[in-house]
Amino acid sequence: MASNPAIASLLQSKRRVGRVAELGSLGGFARMFDSVTTKEMVRFLIPTALGCLSYVLATLAARFISSVPRHIYIARLAFLALFILLIWILYLPSTAIAFSGSRERYYAMGGDTRGMGAFYGMHTTWIWCILALLKRPKTRHENAA
């Protein structure tokens, strides 16, 4: 028997997750369409889409402000940083509940996966920051003929 009471209660429980794990090789496939997994996939895709939207909005706002390529580059970075900061401040705390409270309590409740999709989806916003940094304006060199 397990020495940790939370693990011992999970081993004795009749939860669906334990029964799916007993299916063997089909267990992973069945678990893929579990309601918790589906919710977490959606929670992962929401910040991913918000990151993409923030990149597009930052680019449009930067082009609206100036037509000079260097100013567009700097404004895009500033707007993107602002939008992503707002997403991290407003969206993540309301959805990623897996990192609050004691670990044993959430493990016993089966809540150790709740909020993980949103948390890892928030890290996809770094891709848009890297893309914005890589989109530097090209410098034109005049040939002295």
C-alpha atoms as a PDB file:
ATOM      1  CA  MET A   1       0.000   0.000   0.000  1.00  0.00           C
ATOM      2  CA  ALA A   2       1.178   3.539  -0.713  1.00  0.00           C
ATOM      3  CA  SER A   3       2.514   5.613   2.165  1.00  0.00           C
ATOM      4  CA  ASN A   4       0.984   8.844   0.824  1.00  0.00           C
ATOM      5  CA  PRO A   5      -2.754   9.018   1.717  1.00  0.00           C
ATOM      6  CA  ALA A   6      -3.599  10.874  -1.513  1.00  0.00           C
ATOM      7  CA  ILE A   7      -1.998   8.166  -3.650  1.00  0.00           C
ATOM      8  CA  ALA A   8      -3.603   5.425  -1.557  1.00  0.00           C
ATOM      9  CA  SER A   9      -7.062   6.944  -2.052  1.00  0.00           C
ATOM     10  CA  LEU A  10      -6.465   7.172  -5.798  1.00  0.00           C
ATOM     11  CA  LEU A  11      -5.460   3.527  -5.925  1.00  0.00           C
ATOM     12  CA  GLN A  12      -8.684   2.532  -4.157  1.00  0.00           C
ATOM     13  CA  SER A  13     -10.997   4.864  -6.103  1.00  0.00           C
ATOM     14  CA  LYS A  14     -13.322   3.746  -8.866  1.00  0.00           C
ATOM     15  CA  ARG A  15     -12.728   6.831 -10.993  1.00  0.00           C
ATOM     16  CA  ARG A  16     -12.969   6.661 -14.750  1.00  0.00           C
ATOM     17  CA  VAL A  17      -9.306   7.579 -15.198  1.00  0.00           C
ATOM     18  CA  GLY A  18      -8.249   4.402 -13.406  1.00  0.00           C
ATOM     19  CA  ARG A  19     -10.595   2.281 -15.519  1.00  0.00           C
ATOM     20  CA  VAL A  20      -9.318   3.844 -18.736  1.00  0.00           C
ATOM     21  CA  ALA A  21      -5.768   3.058 -17.685  1.00  0.00           C
ATOM     22  CA  GLU A  22      -6.762  -0.618 -17.343  1.00  0.00           C
ATOM     23  CA  LEU A  23      -7.611  -0.800 -21.063  1.00  0.00           C
ATOM     24  CA  GLY A  24      -3.961  -1.264 -21.958  1.00  0.00           C
ATOM     25  CA  SER A  25      -2.866   0.138 -25.312  1.00  0.00           C
ATOM     26  CA  LEU A  26      -6.349   1.487 -26.007  1.00  0.00           C
ATOM     27  CA  GLY A  27      -6.280   3.452 -22.750  1.00  0.00           C
ATOM     28  CA  GLY A  28      -4.209   6.290 -24.212  1.00  0.00           C
ATOM     29  CA  PHE A  29      -6.546   6.601 -27.196  1.00  0.00           C
ATOM     30  CA  ALA A  30      -9.641   6.553 -24.995  1.00  0.00           C
ATOM     31  CA  ARG A  31      -8.099   9.091 -22.630  1.00  0.00           C
ATOM     32  CA  MET A  32      -7.403  11.400 -25.576  1.00  0.00           C
ATOM     33  CA  PHE A  33     -11.137  12.033 -25.960  1.00  0.00           C
ATOM     34  CA  ASP A  34     -11.879  12.252 -22.263  1.00  0.00           C
ATOM     35  CA  SER A  35     -13.812  15.382 -21.254  1.00  0.00           C
ATOM     36  CA  VAL A  36     -10.934  16.692 -19.135  1.00  0.00           C
ATOM     37  CA  THR A  37      -8.465  16.220 -21.986  1.00  0.00           C
ATOM     38  CA  THR A  38     -10.766  17.909 -24.469  1.00  0.00           C
ATOM     39  CA  LYS A  39     -11.261  20.873 -22.135  1.00  0.00           C
ATOM     40  CA  GLU A  40      -7.516  21.222 -21.655  1.00  0.00           C
ATOM     41  CA  MET A  41      -6.917  21.085 -25.406  1.00  0.00           C
ATOM     42  CA  VAL A  42      -9.370  23.947 -25.842  1.00  0.00           C
ATOM     43  CA  ARG A  43      -7.734  25.818 -22.966  1.00  0.00           C
ATOM     44  CA  PHE A  44      -4.381  25.320 -24.704  1.00  0.00           C
ATOM     45  CA  LEU A  45      -5.683  26.619 -28.046  1.00  0.00           C
ATOM     46  CA  ILE A  46      -7.330  29.762 -26.602  1.00  0.00           C
ATOM     47  CA  PRO A  47      -4.062  31.472 -25.533  1.00  0.00           C
ATOM     48  CA  THR A  48      -2.450  30.245 -28.736  1.00  0.00           C
ATOM     49  CA  ALA A  49      -5.137  32.031 -30.757  1.00  0.00           C
ATOM     50  CA  LEU A  50      -4.906  35.082 -28.477  1.00  0.00           C
ATOM     51  CA  GLY A  51      -1.143  35.234 -29.106  1.00  0.00           C
ATOM     52  CA  CYS A  52      -1.686  35.114 -32.859  1.00  0.00           C
ATOM     53  CA  LEU A  53      -4.398  37.769 -32.619  1.00  0.00           C
ATOM     54  CA  SER A  54      -2.147  39.986 -30.507  1.00  0.00           C
ATOM     55  CA  TYR A  55       0.633  39.721 -33.116  1.00  0.00           C
ATOM     56  CA  VAL A  56      -1.764  40.679 -35.918  1.00  0.00           C
ATOM     57  CA  LEU A  57      -3.236  43.563 -33.900  1.00  0.00           C
ATOM     58  CA  ALA A  58       0.221  44.800 -32.902  1.00  0.00           C
ATOM     59  CA  THR A  59       1.332  44.759 -36.550  1.00  0.00           C
ATOM     60  CA  LEU A  60      -1.794  46.605 -37.699  1.00  0.00           C
ATOM     61  CA  ALA A  61      -1.487  49.191 -34.935  1.00  0.00           C
ATOM     62  CA  ALA A  62       2.207  49.726 -35.722  1.00  0.00           C
ATOM     63  CA  ARG A  63       1.459  50.207 -39.430  1.00  0.00           C
ATOM     64  CA  PHE A  64      -1.358  52.608 -38.557  1.00  0.00           C
ATOM     65  CA  ILE A  65       1.004  54.755 -36.478  1.00  0.00           C
ATOM     66  CA  SER A  66       3.904  55.001 -38.913  1.00  0.00           C
ATOM     67  CA  SER A  67       4.997  53.884 -42.350  1.00  0.00           C
ATOM     68  CA  VAL A  68       8.712  53.977 -41.571  1.00  0.00           C
ATOM     69  CA  PRO A  69       9.949  50.355 -41.324  1.00  0.00           C
ATOM     70  CA  ARG A  70      12.085  50.948 -38.228  1.00  0.00           C
ATOM     71  CA  HIS A  71       9.177  52.635 -36.426  1.00  0.00           C
ATOM     72  CA  ILE A  72       6.867  49.762 -37.413  1.00  0.00           C
ATOM     73  CA  TYR A  73       9.369  47.284 -35.952  1.00  0.00           C
ATOM     74  CA  ILE A  74       9.679  49.123 -32.643  1.00  0.00           C
ATOM     75  CA  ALA A  75       5.950  49.827 -32.351  1.00  0.00           C
ATOM     76  CA  ARG A  76       5.105  46.189 -33.139  1.00  0.00           C
ATOM     77  CA  LEU A  77       7.396  45.038 -30.329  1.00  0.00           C
ATOM     78  CA  ALA A  78       5.906  47.557 -27.896  1.00  0.00           C
ATOM     79  CA  PHE A  79       2.289  46.730 -28.748  1.00  0.00           C
ATOM     80  CA  LEU A  80       2.982  42.991 -28.690  1.00  0.00           C
ATOM     81  CA  ALA A  81       4.622  43.269 -25.279  1.00  0.00           C
ATOM     82  CA  LEU A  82       1.598  45.212 -24.005  1.00  0.00           C
ATOM     83  CA  PHE A  83      -0.946  42.757 -25.434  1.00  0.00           C
ATOM     84  CA  ILE A  84       0.895  39.688 -24.152  1.00  0.00           C
ATOM     85  CA  LEU A  85       1.363  41.256 -20.736  1.00  0.00           C
ATOM     86  CA  LEU A  86      -2.397  41.878 -20.585  1.00  0.00           C
ATOM     87  CA  ILE A  87      -3.099  38.282 -21.588  1.00  0.00           C
ATOM     88  CA  TRP A  88      -0.728  36.990 -18.903  1.00  0.00           C
ATOM     89  CA  ILE A  89      -2.242  39.264 -16.240  1.00  0.00           C
ATOM     90  CA  LEU A  90      -5.929  38.837 -17.107  1.00  0.00           C
ATOM     91  CA  TYR A  91      -6.289  35.392 -18.663  1.00  0.00           C
ATOM     92  CA  LEU A  92      -3.798  33.074 -16.957  1.00  0.00           C
ATOM     93  CA  PRO A  93      -4.803  33.596 -13.294  1.00  0.00           C
ATOM     94  CA  SER A  94      -8.463  32.995 -14.113  1.00  0.00           C
ATOM     95  CA  THR A  95      -7.854  29.675 -15.882  1.00  0.00           C
ATOM     96  CA  ALA A  96      -4.678  28.039 -14.575  1.00  0.00           C
ATOM     97  CA  ILE A  97      -5.868  26.797 -11.189  1.00  0.00           C
ATOM     98  CA  ALA A  98      -3.495  23.846 -11.024  1.00  0.00           C
ATOM     99  CA  PHE A  99      -0.811  25.865  -9.275  1.00  0.00           C
ATOM    100  CA  SER A 100      -2.827  27.082  -6.285  1.00  0.00           C
ATOM    101  CA  GLY A 101      -3.402  25.165  -3.083  1.00  0.00           C
ATOM    102  CA  SER A 102      -1.639  22.118  -1.771  1.00  0.00           C
ATOM    103  CA  ARG A 103      -0.407  19.524  -4.250  1.00  0.00           C
ATOM    104  CA  GLU A 104      -1.935  16.584  -2.354  1.00  0.00           C
ATOM    105  CA  ARG A 105      -5.409  18.151  -2.343  1.00  0.00           C
ATOM    106  CA  TYR A 106      -5.471  18.681  -6.104  1.00  0.00           C
ATOM    107  CA  TYR A 107      -3.921  15.282  -6.760  1.00  0.00           C
ATOM    108  CA  ALA A 108      -6.571  13.574  -4.626  1.00  0.00           C
ATOM    109  CA  MET A 109      -9.346  15.501  -6.388  1.00  0.00           C
ATOM    110  CA  GLY A 110      -7.966  14.672  -9.806  1.00  0.00           C
ATOM    111  CA  GLY A 111      -7.457  18.360 -10.383  1.00  0.00           C
ATOM    112  CA  ASP A 112      -3.764  18.192 -11.072  1.00  0.00           C
ATOM    113  CA  THR A 113      -4.462  18.578 -14.798  1.00  0.00           C
ATOM    114  CA  ARG A 114      -6.933  21.439 -14.595  1.00  0.00           C
ATOM    115  CA  GLY A 115      -5.428  24.623 -15.913  1.00  0.00           C
ATOM    116  CA  MET A 116      -2.370  22.949 -17.412  1.00  0.00           C
ATOM    117  CA  GLY A 117      -3.605  23.513 -20.970  1.00  0.00           C
ATOM    118  CA  ALA A 118      -3.945  27.240 -20.335  1.00  0.00           C
ATOM    119  CA  PHE A 119      -0.588  27.409 -18.597  1.00  0.00           C
ATOM    120  CA  TYR A 120       1.288  25.689 -21.413  1.00  0.00           C
ATOM    121  CA  GLY A 121      -0.759  27.501 -24.042  1.00  0.00           C
ATOM    122  CA  MET A 122       0.467  30.778 -22.587  1.00  0.00           C
ATOM    123  CA  HIS A 123       3.996  29.747 -23.475  1.00  0.00           C
ATOM    124  CA  THR A 124       3.064  29.712 -27.158  1.00  0.00           C
ATOM    125  CA  THR A 125       2.940  33.514 -26.959  1.00  0.00           C
ATOM    126  CA  TRP A 126       6.748  33.502 -26.893  1.00  0.00           C
ATOM    127  CA  ILE A 127       6.685  32.248 -30.483  1.00  0.00           C
ATOM    128  CA  TRP A 128       5.003  35.482 -31.544  1.00  0.00           C
ATOM    129  CA  CYS A 129       7.596  37.535 -29.653  1.00  0.00           C
ATOM    130  CA  ILE A 130      10.396  35.681 -31.415  1.00  0.00           C
ATOM    131  CA  LEU A 131       8.675  36.212 -34.767  1.00  0.00           C
ATOM    132  CA  ALA A 132       8.324  39.930 -34.050  1.00  0.00           C
ATOM    133  CA  LEU A 133      12.017  40.148 -33.158  1.00  0.00           C
ATOM    134  CA  LEU A 134      13.004  38.331 -36.352  1.00  0.00           C
ATOM    135  CA  LYS A 135      10.962  40.666 -38.577  1.00  0.00           C
ATOM    136  CA  ARG A 136      13.615  43.396 -38.540  1.00  0.00           C
ATOM    137  CA  PRO A 137      13.480  45.990 -41.269  1.00  0.00           C
ATOM    138  CA  LYS A 138      15.927  45.353 -44.060  1.00  0.00           C
ATOM    139  CA  THR A 139      18.680  47.899 -44.515  1.00  0.00           C
ATOM    140  CA  ARG A 140      19.295  49.076 -48.039  1.00  0.00           C
ATOM    141  CA  HIS A 141      22.826  49.673 -49.151  1.00  0.00           C
ATOM    142  CA  GLU A 142      23.426  52.079 -51.986  1.00  0.00           C
ATOM    143  CA  ASN A 143      26.083  50.930 -54.451  1.00  0.00           C
ATOM    144  CA  ALA A 144      28.778  53.512 -54.988  1.00  0.00           C
ATOM    145  CA  ALA A 145      29.428  52.989 -58.696  1.00  0.00           C
END
